[in-house]
Amino acid sequence: TTVQCVAGVVDFAVQRIKEQLLPRYPNVDDVIGLEHSY
């Protein structure tokens, strides 16, 4: 993420990716957002 302003959207999207997409890719350990305050 380039800015803190997008953190909420990214967090929502990451949860959707984990629920809807990640089960299709069993060799991927996790999906995370690199959230920061800058």
PDB file of all heavy atoms in Angstrom:
ATOM      1  N   THR A   1       0.848  -1.188   0.000  1.00  0.00           N
ATOM      2  CA  THR A   1       0.000   0.000   0.000  1.00  0.00           C
ATOM      3  C   THR A   1       0.886   1.241   0.000  1.00  0.00           C
ATOM      4  O   THR A   1       1.928   1.272   0.646  1.00  0.00           O
ATOM      5  CB  THR A   1      -0.936   0.025   1.217  1.00  0.00           C
ATOM      6  OG1 THR A   1      -0.143   0.039   2.425  1.00  0.00           O
ATOM      7  CG2 THR A   1      -1.842  -1.195   1.237  1.00  0.00           C
ATOM      8  N   THR A   2       0.472   2.259  -0.725  1.00  0.00           N
ATOM      9  CA  THR A   2       1.259   3.490  -0.790  1.00  0.00           C
ATOM     10  C   THR A   2       0.900   4.479   0.292  1.00  0.00           C
ATOM     11  O   THR A   2       1.660   5.415   0.550  1.00  0.00           O
ATOM     12  CB  THR A   2       1.061   4.168  -2.152  1.00  0.00           C
ATOM     13  OG1 THR A   2      -0.335   4.428  -2.335  1.00  0.00           O
ATOM     14  CG2 THR A   2       1.581   3.304  -3.292  1.00  0.00           C
ATOM     15  N   VAL A   3      -0.262   4.292   0.935  1.00  0.00           N
ATOM     16  CA  VAL A   3      -0.738   5.288   1.888  1.00  0.00           C
ATOM     17  C   VAL A   3      -1.736   4.646   2.837  1.00  0.00           C
ATOM     18  O   VAL A   3      -2.456   3.695   2.457  1.00  0.00           O
ATOM     19  CB  VAL A   3      -1.366   6.491   1.144  1.00  0.00           C
ATOM     20  CG1 VAL A   3      -2.658   6.099   0.443  1.00  0.00           C
ATOM     21  CG2 VAL A   3      -1.583   7.684   2.068  1.00  0.00           C
ATOM     22  N   GLN A   4      -1.792   5.134   4.057  1.00  0.00           N
ATOM     23  CA  GLN A   4      -2.698   4.590   5.059  1.00  0.00           C
ATOM     24  C   GLN A   4      -4.158   4.664   4.639  1.00  0.00           C
ATOM     25  O   GLN A   4      -4.975   3.840   5.040  1.00  0.00           O
ATOM     26  CB  GLN A   4      -2.491   5.339   6.383  1.00  0.00           C
ATOM     27  CG  GLN A   4      -3.504   5.051   7.469  1.00  0.00           C
ATOM     28  CD  GLN A   4      -3.446   3.621   7.975  1.00  0.00           C
ATOM     29  OE1 GLN A   4      -2.440   2.954   7.840  1.00  0.00           O
ATOM     30  NE2 GLN A   4      -4.525   3.151   8.577  1.00  0.00           N
ATOM     31  N   CYS A   5      -4.508   5.624   3.790  1.00  0.00           N
ATOM     32  CA  CYS A   5      -5.901   5.829   3.394  1.00  0.00           C
ATOM     33  C   CYS A   5      -6.551   4.583   2.792  1.00  0.00           C
ATOM     34  O   CYS A   5      -7.771   4.431   2.847  1.00  0.00           O
ATOM     35  CB  CYS A   5      -6.008   6.975   2.385  1.00  0.00           C
ATOM     36  SG  CYS A   5      -5.195   8.497   2.915  1.00  0.00           S
ATOM     37  N   VAL A   6      -5.754   3.698   2.194  1.00  0.00           N
ATOM     38  CA  VAL A   6      -6.325   2.532   1.511  1.00  0.00           C
ATOM     39  C   VAL A   6      -6.390   1.311   2.421  1.00  0.00           C
ATOM     40  O   VAL A   6      -6.842   0.243   1.993  1.00  0.00           O
ATOM     41  CB  VAL A   6      -5.517   2.191   0.241  1.00  0.00           C
ATOM     42  CG1 VAL A   6      -5.439   3.387  -0.683  1.00  0.00           C
ATOM     43  CG2 VAL A   6      -4.126   1.671   0.579  1.00  0.00           C
ATOM     44  N   ALA A   7      -5.956   1.433   3.673  1.00  0.00           N
ATOM     45  CA  ALA A   7      -5.823   0.268   4.547  1.00  0.00           C
ATOM     46  C   ALA A   7      -7.136  -0.482   4.734  1.00  0.00           C
ATOM     47  O   ALA A   7      -7.161  -1.717   4.713  1.00  0.00           O
ATOM     48  CB  ALA A   7      -5.256   0.687   5.901  1.00  0.00           C
ATOM     49  N   GLY A   8      -8.236   0.254   4.929  1.00  0.00           N
ATOM     50  CA  GLY A   8      -9.526  -0.413   5.141  1.00  0.00           C
ATOM     51  C   GLY A   8      -9.970  -1.205   3.934  1.00  0.00           C
ATOM     52  O   GLY A   8     -10.474  -2.340   4.055  1.00  0.00           O
ATOM     53  N   VAL A   9      -9.795  -0.632   2.745  1.00  0.00           N
ATOM     54  CA  VAL A   9     -10.168  -1.335   1.521  1.00  0.00           C
ATOM     55  C   VAL A   9      -9.316  -2.584   1.340  1.00  0.00           C
ATOM     56  O   VAL A   9      -9.823  -3.663   1.008  1.00  0.00           O
ATOM     57  CB  VAL A   9     -10.023  -0.399   0.299  1.00  0.00           C
ATOM     58  CG1 VAL A   9     -10.244  -1.166  -1.004  1.00  0.00           C
ATOM     59  CG2 VAL A   9     -11.000   0.764   0.403  1.00  0.00           C
ATOM     60  N   VAL A  10      -8.020  -2.450   1.552  1.00  0.00           N
ATOM     61  CA  VAL A  10      -7.130  -3.594   1.388  1.00  0.00           C
ATOM     62  C   VAL A  10      -7.463  -4.692   2.387  1.00  0.00           C
ATOM     63  O   VAL A  10      -7.484  -5.882   2.042  1.00  0.00           O
ATOM     64  CB  VAL A  10      -5.663  -3.156   1.510  1.00  0.00           C
ATOM     65  CG1 VAL A  10      -4.728  -4.362   1.575  1.00  0.00           C
ATOM     66  CG2 VAL A  10      -5.284  -2.275   0.335  1.00  0.00           C
ATOM     67  N   ASP A  11      -7.754  -4.325   3.633  1.00  0.00           N
ATOM     68  CA  ASP A  11      -8.103  -5.330   4.631  1.00  0.00           C
ATOM     69  C   ASP A  11      -9.365  -6.092   4.214  1.00  0.00           C
ATOM     70  O   ASP A  11      -9.418  -7.328   4.316  1.00  0.00           O
ATOM     71  CB  ASP A  11      -8.317  -4.664   5.991  1.00  0.00           C
ATOM     72  CG  ASP A  11      -8.660  -5.673   7.071  1.00  0.00           C
ATOM     73  OD1 ASP A  11      -7.794  -6.505   7.397  1.00  0.00           O
ATOM     74  OD2 ASP A  11      -9.795  -5.639   7.589  1.00  0.00           O
ATOM     75  N   PHE A  12     -10.364  -5.367   3.718  1.00  0.00           N
ATOM     76  CA  PHE A  12     -11.599  -6.015   3.250  1.00  0.00           C
ATOM     77  C   PHE A  12     -11.289  -6.945   2.084  1.00  0.00           C
ATOM     78  O   PHE A  12     -11.773  -8.088   2.026  1.00  0.00           O
ATOM     79  CB  PHE A  12     -12.607  -4.945   2.826  1.00  0.00           C
ATOM     80  CG  PHE A  12     -13.996  -5.461   2.558  1.00  0.00           C
ATOM     81  CD1 PHE A  12     -14.977  -5.407   3.530  1.00  0.00           C
ATOM     82  CD2 PHE A  12     -14.325  -6.013   1.324  1.00  0.00           C
ATOM     83  CE1 PHE A  12     -16.257  -5.882   3.292  1.00  0.00           C
ATOM     84  CE2 PHE A  12     -15.596  -6.490   1.064  1.00  0.00           C
ATOM     85  CZ  PHE A  12     -16.564  -6.432   2.054  1.00  0.00           C
ATOM     86  N   ALA A  13     -10.465  -6.470   1.140  1.00  0.00           N
ATOM     87  CA  ALA A  13     -10.133  -7.272  -0.033  1.00  0.00           C
ATOM     88  C   ALA A  13      -9.342  -8.522   0.350  1.00  0.00           C
ATOM     89  O   ALA A  13      -9.567  -9.608  -0.208  1.00  0.00           O
ATOM     90  CB  ALA A  13      -9.347  -6.432  -1.028  1.00  0.00           C
ATOM     91  N   VAL A  14      -8.415  -8.381   1.298  1.00  0.00           N
ATOM     92  CA  VAL A  14      -7.618  -9.526   1.729  1.00  0.00           C
ATOM     93  C   VAL A  14      -8.518 -10.610   2.312  1.00  0.00           C
ATOM     94  O   VAL A  14      -8.334 -11.809   2.033  1.00  0.00           O
ATOM     95  CB  VAL A  14      -6.541  -9.085   2.742  1.00  0.00           C
ATOM     96  CG1 VAL A  14      -5.965 -10.286   3.491  1.00  0.00           C
ATOM     97  CG2 VAL A  14      -5.433  -8.324   2.034  1.00  0.00           C
ATOM     98  N   GLN A  15      -9.504 -10.215   3.106  1.00  0.00           N
ATOM     99  CA  GLN A  15     -10.426 -11.218   3.665  1.00  0.00           C
ATOM    100  C   GLN A  15     -11.204 -11.915   2.562  1.00  0.00           C
ATOM    101  O   GLN A  15     -11.418 -13.136   2.614  1.00  0.00           O
ATOM    102  CB  GLN A  15     -11.380 -10.547   4.669  1.00  0.00           C
ATOM    103  CG  GLN A  15     -10.683  -9.934   5.876  1.00  0.00           C
ATOM    104  CD  GLN A  15      -9.739 -10.896   6.569  1.00  0.00           C
ATOM    105  OE1 GLN A  15     -10.079 -12.061   6.821  1.00  0.00           O
ATOM    106  NE2 GLN A  15      -8.530 -10.430   6.874  1.00  0.00           N
ATOM    107  N   ARG A  16     -11.623 -11.173   1.542  1.00  0.00           N
ATOM    108  CA  ARG A  16     -12.328 -11.774   0.403  1.00  0.00           C
ATOM    109  C   ARG A  16     -11.405 -12.734  -0.351  1.00  0.00           C
ATOM    110  O   ARG A  16     -11.836 -13.809  -0.783  1.00  0.00           O
ATOM    111  CB  ARG A  16     -12.833 -10.686  -0.542  1.00  0.00           C
ATOM    112  CG  ARG A  16     -14.091  -9.974  -0.058  1.00  0.00           C
ATOM    113  CD  ARG A  16     -15.289 -10.943  -0.031  1.00  0.00           C
ATOM    114  NE  ARG A  16     -16.505 -10.302   0.427  1.00  0.00           N
ATOM    115  CZ  ARG A  16     -17.422  -9.761  -0.383  1.00  0.00           C
ATOM    116  NH1 ARG A  16     -17.243  -9.764  -1.693  1.00  0.00           N
ATOM    117  NH2 ARG A  16     -18.520  -9.213   0.119  1.00  0.00           N
ATOM    118  N   ILE A  17     -10.161 -12.335  -0.551  1.00  0.00           N
ATOM    119  CA  ILE A  17      -9.217 -13.205  -1.256  1.00  0.00           C
ATOM    120  C   ILE A  17      -9.034 -14.511  -0.487  1.00  0.00           C
ATOM    121  O   ILE A  17      -9.015 -15.605  -1.068  1.00  0.00           O
ATOM    122  CB  ILE A  17      -7.864 -12.490  -1.450  1.00  0.00           C
ATOM    123  CG1 ILE A  17      -8.021 -11.310  -2.407  1.00  0.00           C
ATOM    124  CG2 ILE A  17      -6.812 -13.457  -1.975  1.00  0.00           C
ATOM    125  CD1 ILE A  17      -6.808 -10.414  -2.486  1.00  0.00           C
ATOM    126  N   LYS A  18      -8.898 -14.406   0.826  1.00  0.00           N
ATOM    127  CA  LYS A  18      -8.728 -15.613   1.637  1.00  0.00           C
ATOM    128  C   LYS A  18      -9.942 -16.523   1.560  1.00  0.00           C
ATOM    129  O   LYS A  18      -9.826 -17.760   1.518  1.00  0.00           O
ATOM    130  CB  LYS A  18      -8.448 -15.223   3.087  1.00  0.00           C
ATOM    131  CG  LYS A  18      -7.079 -14.605   3.312  1.00  0.00           C
ATOM    132  CD  LYS A  18      -6.858 -14.262   4.777  1.00  0.00           C
ATOM    133  CE  LYS A  18      -5.471 -13.700   5.010  1.00  0.00           C
ATOM    134  NZ  LYS A  18      -5.206 -13.391   6.428  1.00  0.00           N
ATOM    135  N   GLU A  19     -11.123 -15.916   1.545  1.00  0.00           N
ATOM    136  CA  GLU A  19     -12.354 -16.716   1.519  1.00  0.00           C
ATOM    137  C   GLU A  19     -12.647 -17.284   0.134  1.00  0.00           C
ATOM    138  O   GLU A  19     -13.029 -18.454   0.006  1.00  0.00           O
ATOM    139  CB  GLU A  19     -13.533 -15.842   1.963  1.00  0.00           C
ATOM    140  CG  GLU A  19     -13.468 -15.392   3.413  1.00  0.00           C
ATOM    141  CD  GLU A  19     -14.486 -14.296   3.720  1.00  0.00           C
ATOM    142  OE1 GLU A  19     -15.275 -13.959   2.815  1.00  0.00           O
ATOM    143  OE2 GLU A  19     -14.469 -13.776   4.853  1.00  0.00           O
ATOM    144  N   GLN A  20     -12.467 -16.475  -0.899  1.00  0.00           N
ATOM    145  CA  GLN A  20     -12.937 -16.850  -2.230  1.00  0.00           C
ATOM    146  C   GLN A  20     -11.851 -17.409  -3.141  1.00  0.00           C
ATOM    147  O   GLN A  20     -12.147 -18.267  -3.995  1.00  0.00           O
ATOM    148  CB  GLN A  20     -13.581 -15.633  -2.911  1.00  0.00           C
ATOM    149  CG  GLN A  20     -14.794 -15.093  -2.175  1.00  0.00           C
ATOM    150  CD  GLN A  20     -15.395 -13.863  -2.843  1.00  0.00           C
ATOM    151  OE1 GLN A  20     -15.042 -13.519  -3.971  1.00  0.00           O
ATOM    152  NE2 GLN A  20     -16.310 -13.197  -2.156  1.00  0.00           N
ATOM    153  N   LEU A  21     -10.625 -16.920  -3.013  1.00  0.00           N
ATOM    154  CA  LEU A  21      -9.580 -17.315  -3.956  1.00  0.00           C
ATOM    155  C   LEU A  21      -8.559 -18.281  -3.372  1.00  0.00           C
ATOM    156  O   LEU A  21      -8.136 -19.226  -4.045  1.00  0.00           O
ATOM    157  CB  LEU A  21      -8.847 -16.070  -4.473  1.00  0.00           C
ATOM    158  CG  LEU A  21      -9.675 -15.039  -5.233  1.00  0.00           C
ATOM    159  CD1 LEU A  21      -8.785 -13.882  -5.707  1.00  0.00           C
ATOM    160  CD2 LEU A  21     -10.377 -15.677  -6.426  1.00  0.00           C
ATOM    161  N   LEU A  22      -8.126 -18.054  -2.166  1.00  0.00           N
ATOM    162  CA  LEU A  22      -7.020 -18.821  -1.610  1.00  0.00           C
ATOM    163  C   LEU A  22      -7.256 -20.332  -1.615  1.00  0.00           C
ATOM    164  O   LEU A  22      -6.301 -21.093  -1.845  1.00  0.00           O
ATOM    165  CB  LEU A  22      -6.686 -18.321  -0.203  1.00  0.00           C
ATOM    166  CG  LEU A  22      -5.273 -18.627   0.308  1.00  0.00           C
ATOM    167  CD1 LEU A  22      -4.211 -18.114  -0.655  1.00  0.00           C
ATOM    168  CD2 LEU A  22      -5.066 -18.037   1.693  1.00  0.00           C
ATOM    169  N   PRO A  23      -8.493 -20.816  -1.385  1.00  0.00           N
ATOM    170  CA  PRO A  23      -8.700 -22.270  -1.437  1.00  0.00           C
ATOM    171  C   PRO A  23      -8.320 -22.899  -2.779  1.00  0.00           C
ATOM    172  O   PRO A  23      -8.044 -24.098  -2.845  1.00  0.00           O
ATOM    173  CB  PRO A  23     -10.199 -22.417  -1.152  1.00  0.00           C
ATOM    174  CG  PRO A  23     -10.541 -21.215  -0.335  1.00  0.00           C
ATOM    175  CD  PRO A  23      -9.707 -20.111  -0.913  1.00  0.00           C
ATOM    176  N   ARG A  24      -8.288 -22.108  -3.842  1.00  0.00           N
ATOM    177  CA  ARG A  24      -7.917 -22.638  -5.163  1.00  0.00           C
ATOM    178  C   ARG A  24      -6.406 -22.783  -5.310  1.00  0.00           C
ATOM    179  O   ARG A  24      -5.931 -23.402  -6.268  1.00  0.00           O
ATOM    180  CB  ARG A  24      -8.407 -21.702  -6.268  1.00  0.00           C
ATOM    181  CG  ARG A  24      -9.889 -21.396  -6.254  1.00  0.00           C
ATOM    182  CD  ARG A  24     -10.192 -20.440  -7.401  1.00  0.00           C
ATOM    183  NE  ARG A  24     -11.417 -19.686  -7.194  1.00  0.00           N
ATOM    184  CZ  ARG A  24     -11.794 -18.648  -7.929  1.00  0.00           C
ATOM    185  NH1 ARG A  24     -11.009 -18.239  -8.935  1.00  0.00           N
ATOM    186  NH2 ARG A  24     -12.924 -18.007  -7.690  1.00  0.00           N
ATOM    187  N   TYR A  25      -5.657 -22.184  -4.397  1.00  0.00           N
ATOM    188  CA  TYR A  25      -4.203 -22.147  -4.522  1.00  0.00           C
ATOM    189  C   TYR A  25      -3.564 -22.709  -3.251  1.00  0.00           C
ATOM    190  O   TYR A  25      -3.048 -21.974  -2.407  1.00  0.00           O
ATOM    191  CB  TYR A  25      -3.741 -20.711  -4.770  1.00  0.00           C
ATOM    192  CG  TYR A  25      -4.413 -20.075  -5.967  1.00  0.00           C
ATOM    193  CD1 TYR A  25      -5.429 -19.130  -5.804  1.00  0.00           C
ATOM    194  CD2 TYR A  25      -4.054 -20.440  -7.257  1.00  0.00           C
ATOM    195  CE1 TYR A  25      -6.060 -18.561  -6.898  1.00  0.00           C
ATOM    196  CE2 TYR A  25      -4.679 -19.873  -8.367  1.00  0.00           C
ATOM    197  CZ  TYR A  25      -5.678 -18.937  -8.176  1.00  0.00           C
ATOM    198  OH  TYR A  25      -6.298 -18.380  -9.266  1.00  0.00           O
ATOM    199  N   PRO A  26      -3.595 -24.028  -3.099  1.00  0.00           N
ATOM    200  CA  PRO A  26      -3.178 -24.647  -1.832  1.00  0.00           C
ATOM    201  C   PRO A  26      -1.702 -24.471  -1.497  1.00  0.00           C
ATOM    202  O   PRO A  26      -1.309 -24.658  -0.345  1.00  0.00           O
ATOM    203  CB  PRO A  26      -3.519 -26.129  -2.047  1.00  0.00           C
ATOM    204  CG  PRO A  26      -3.534 -26.311  -3.540  1.00  0.00           C
ATOM    205  CD  PRO A  26      -4.047 -25.020  -4.089  1.00  0.00           C
ATOM    206  N   ASN A  27      -0.876 -24.107  -2.461  1.00  0.00           N
ATOM    207  CA  ASN A  27       0.549 -23.939  -2.190  1.00  0.00           C
ATOM    208  C   ASN A  27       0.905 -22.522  -1.735  1.00  0.00           C
ATOM    209  O   ASN A  27       2.070 -22.236  -1.468  1.00  0.00           O
ATOM    210  CB  ASN A  27       1.376 -24.299  -3.428  1.00  0.00           C
ATOM    211  CG  ASN A  27       1.240 -25.768  -3.777  1.00  0.00           C
ATOM    212  OD1 ASN A  27       1.255 -26.623  -2.902  1.00  0.00           O
ATOM    213  ND2 ASN A  27       1.078 -26.059  -5.056  1.00  0.00           N
ATOM    214  N   VAL A  28      -0.096 -21.641  -1.684  1.00  0.00           N
ATOM    215  CA  VAL A  28       0.124 -20.276  -1.191  1.00  0.00           C
ATOM    216  C   VAL A  28      -0.223 -20.254   0.294  1.00  0.00           C
ATOM    217  O   VAL A  28      -1.322 -20.631   0.690  1.00  0.00           O
ATOM    218  CB  VAL A  28      -0.719 -19.253  -1.965  1.00  0.00           C
ATOM    219  CG1 VAL A  28      -0.466 -17.839  -1.435  1.00  0.00           C
ATOM    220  CG2 VAL A  28      -0.410 -19.321  -3.464  1.00  0.00           C
ATOM    221  N   ASP A  29       0.724 -19.817   1.107  1.00  0.00           N
ATOM    222  CA  ASP A  29       0.544 -19.871   2.561  1.00  0.00           C
ATOM    223  C   ASP A  29      -0.419 -18.828   3.094  1.00  0.00           C
ATOM    224  O   ASP A  29      -1.163 -19.081   4.044  1.00  0.00           O
ATOM    225  CB  ASP A  29       1.898 -19.692   3.263  1.00  0.00           C
ATOM    226  CG  ASP A  29       2.832 -20.859   3.016  1.00  0.00           C
ATOM    227  OD1 ASP A  29       2.381 -22.011   3.110  1.00  0.00           O
ATOM    228  OD2 ASP A  29       4.014 -20.614   2.731  1.00  0.00           O
ATOM    229  N   ASP A  30      -0.413 -17.624   2.497  1.00  0.00           N
ATOM    230  CA  ASP A  30      -1.226 -16.557   3.070  1.00  0.00           C
ATOM    231  C   ASP A  30      -1.288 -15.391   2.088  1.00  0.00           C
ATOM    232  O   ASP A  30      -0.533 -15.316   1.119  1.00  0.00           O
ATOM    233  CB  ASP A  30      -0.613 -16.073   4.396  1.00  0.00           C
ATOM    234  CG  ASP A  30      -1.632 -15.431   5.331  1.00  0.00           C
ATOM    235  OD1 ASP A  30      -2.814 -15.308   4.944  1.00  0.00           O
ATOM    236  OD2 ASP A  30      -1.235 -15.050   6.451  1.00  0.00           O
ATOM    237  N   VAL A  31      -2.218 -14.497   2.352  1.00  0.00           N
ATOM    238  CA  VAL A  31      -2.323 -13.222   1.647  1.00  0.00           C
ATOM    239  C   VAL A  31      -2.370 -12.142   2.719  1.00  0.00           C
ATOM    240  O   VAL A  31      -3.161 -12.233   3.669  1.00  0.00           O
ATOM    241  CB  VAL A  31      -3.584 -13.156   0.769  1.00  0.00           C
ATOM    242  CG1 VAL A  31      -3.674 -11.799   0.068  1.00  0.00           C
ATOM    243  CG2 VAL A  31      -3.602 -14.283  -0.247  1.00  0.00           C
ATOM    244  N   ILE A  32      -1.533 -11.117   2.588  1.00  0.00           N
ATOM    245  CA  ILE A  32      -1.475 -10.075   3.607  1.00  0.00           C
ATOM    246  C   ILE A  32      -1.420  -8.705   2.953  1.00  0.00           C
ATOM    247  O   ILE A  32      -0.996  -8.568   1.807  1.00  0.00           O
ATOM    248  CB  ILE A  32      -0.253 -10.252   4.535  1.00  0.00           C
ATOM    249  CG1 ILE A  32       1.049 -10.111   3.747  1.00  0.00           C
ATOM    250  CG2 ILE A  32      -0.306 -11.579   5.274  1.00  0.00           C
ATOM    251  CD1 ILE A  32       2.298 -10.111   4.609  1.00  0.00           C
ATOM    252  N   GLY A  33      -1.866  -7.697   3.680  1.00  0.00           N
ATOM    253  CA  GLY A  33      -1.712  -6.318   3.263  1.00  0.00           C
ATOM    254  C   GLY A  33      -0.584  -5.669   4.037  1.00  0.00           C
ATOM    255  O   GLY A  33      -0.497  -5.833   5.264  1.00  0.00           O
ATOM    256  N   LEU A  34       0.306  -4.971   3.341  1.00  0.00           N
ATOM    257  CA  LEU A  34       1.414  -4.275   4.004  1.00  0.00           C
ATOM    258  C   LEU A  34       0.924  -2.894   4.428  1.00  0.00           C
ATOM    259  O   LEU A  34       1.209  -1.876   3.796  1.00  0.00           O
ATOM    260  CB  LEU A  34       2.615  -4.187   3.066  1.00  0.00           C
ATOM    261  CG  LEU A  34       3.185  -5.529   2.587  1.00  0.00           C
ATOM    262  CD1 LEU A  34       4.387  -5.306   1.673  1.00  0.00           C
ATOM    263  CD2 LEU A  34       3.577  -6.414   3.769  1.00  0.00           C
ATOM    264  N   GLU A  35       0.177  -2.886   5.522  1.00  0.00           N
ATOM    265  CA  GLU A  35      -0.418  -1.650   6.028  1.00  0.00           C
ATOM    266  C   GLU A  35       0.616  -0.855   6.820  1.00  0.00           C
ATOM    267  O   GLU A  35       1.440  -1.423   7.542  1.00  0.00           O
ATOM    268  CB  GLU A  35      -1.599  -1.976   6.935  1.00  0.00           C
ATOM    269  CG  GLU A  35      -2.252  -0.758   7.549  1.00  0.00           C
ATOM    270  CD  GLU A  35      -3.213  -1.111   8.667  1.00  0.00           C
ATOM    271  OE1 GLU A  35      -3.598  -2.284   8.791  1.00  0.00           O
ATOM    272  OE2 GLU A  35      -3.564  -0.200   9.439  1.00  0.00           O
ATOM    273  N   HIS A  36       0.577   0.459   6.705  1.00  0.00           N
ATOM    274  CA  HIS A  36       1.481   1.349   7.433  1.00  0.00           C
ATOM    275  C   HIS A  36       0.811   2.709   7.558  1.00  0.00           C
ATOM    276  O   HIS A  36      -0.278   2.937   7.012  1.00  0.00           O
ATOM    277  CB  HIS A  36       2.813   1.465   6.682  1.00  0.00           C
ATOM    278  CG  HIS A  36       2.661   1.941   5.269  1.00  0.00           C
ATOM    279  ND1 HIS A  36       2.657   3.266   4.918  1.00  0.00           N
ATOM    280  CD2 HIS A  36       2.450   1.241   4.115  1.00  0.00           C
ATOM    281  CE1 HIS A  36       2.474   3.382   3.617  1.00  0.00           C
ATOM    282  NE2 HIS A  36       2.337   2.176   3.102  1.00  0.00           N
ATOM    283  N   SER A  37       1.441   3.629   8.258  1.00  0.00           N
ATOM    284  CA  SER A  37       0.833   4.941   8.509  1.00  0.00           C
ATOM    285  C   SER A  37       1.474   6.050   7.698  1.00  0.00           C
ATOM    286  O   SER A  37       1.254   7.228   7.955  1.00  0.00           O
ATOM    287  CB  SER A  37       0.924   5.284  10.000  1.00  0.00           C
ATOM    288  OG  SER A  37       2.282   5.287  10.425  1.00  0.00           O
ATOM    289  N   TYR A  38       2.261   5.693   6.689  1.00  0.00           N
ATOM    290  CA  TYR A  38       3.010   6.681   5.915  1.00  0.00           C
ATOM    291  C   TYR A  38       2.267   6.991   4.604  1.00  0.00           C
ATOM    292  O   TYR A  38       1.191   6.489   4.342  1.00  0.00           O
ATOM    293  CB  TYR A  38       4.409   6.148   5.620  1.00  0.00           C
ATOM    294  CG  TYR A  38       5.387   7.186   5.129  1.00  0.00           C
ATOM    295  CD1 TYR A  38       5.828   8.205   5.969  1.00  0.00           C
ATOM    296  CD2 TYR A  38       5.876   7.142   3.826  1.00  0.00           C
ATOM    297  CE1 TYR A  38       6.731   9.160   5.522  1.00  0.00           C
ATOM    298  CE2 TYR A  38       6.778   8.087   3.372  1.00  0.00           C
ATOM    299  CZ  TYR A  38       7.196   9.093   4.217  1.00  0.00           C
ATOM    300  OH  TYR A  38       8.079  10.041   3.768  1.00  0.00           O
TER     301      TYR A  38
END
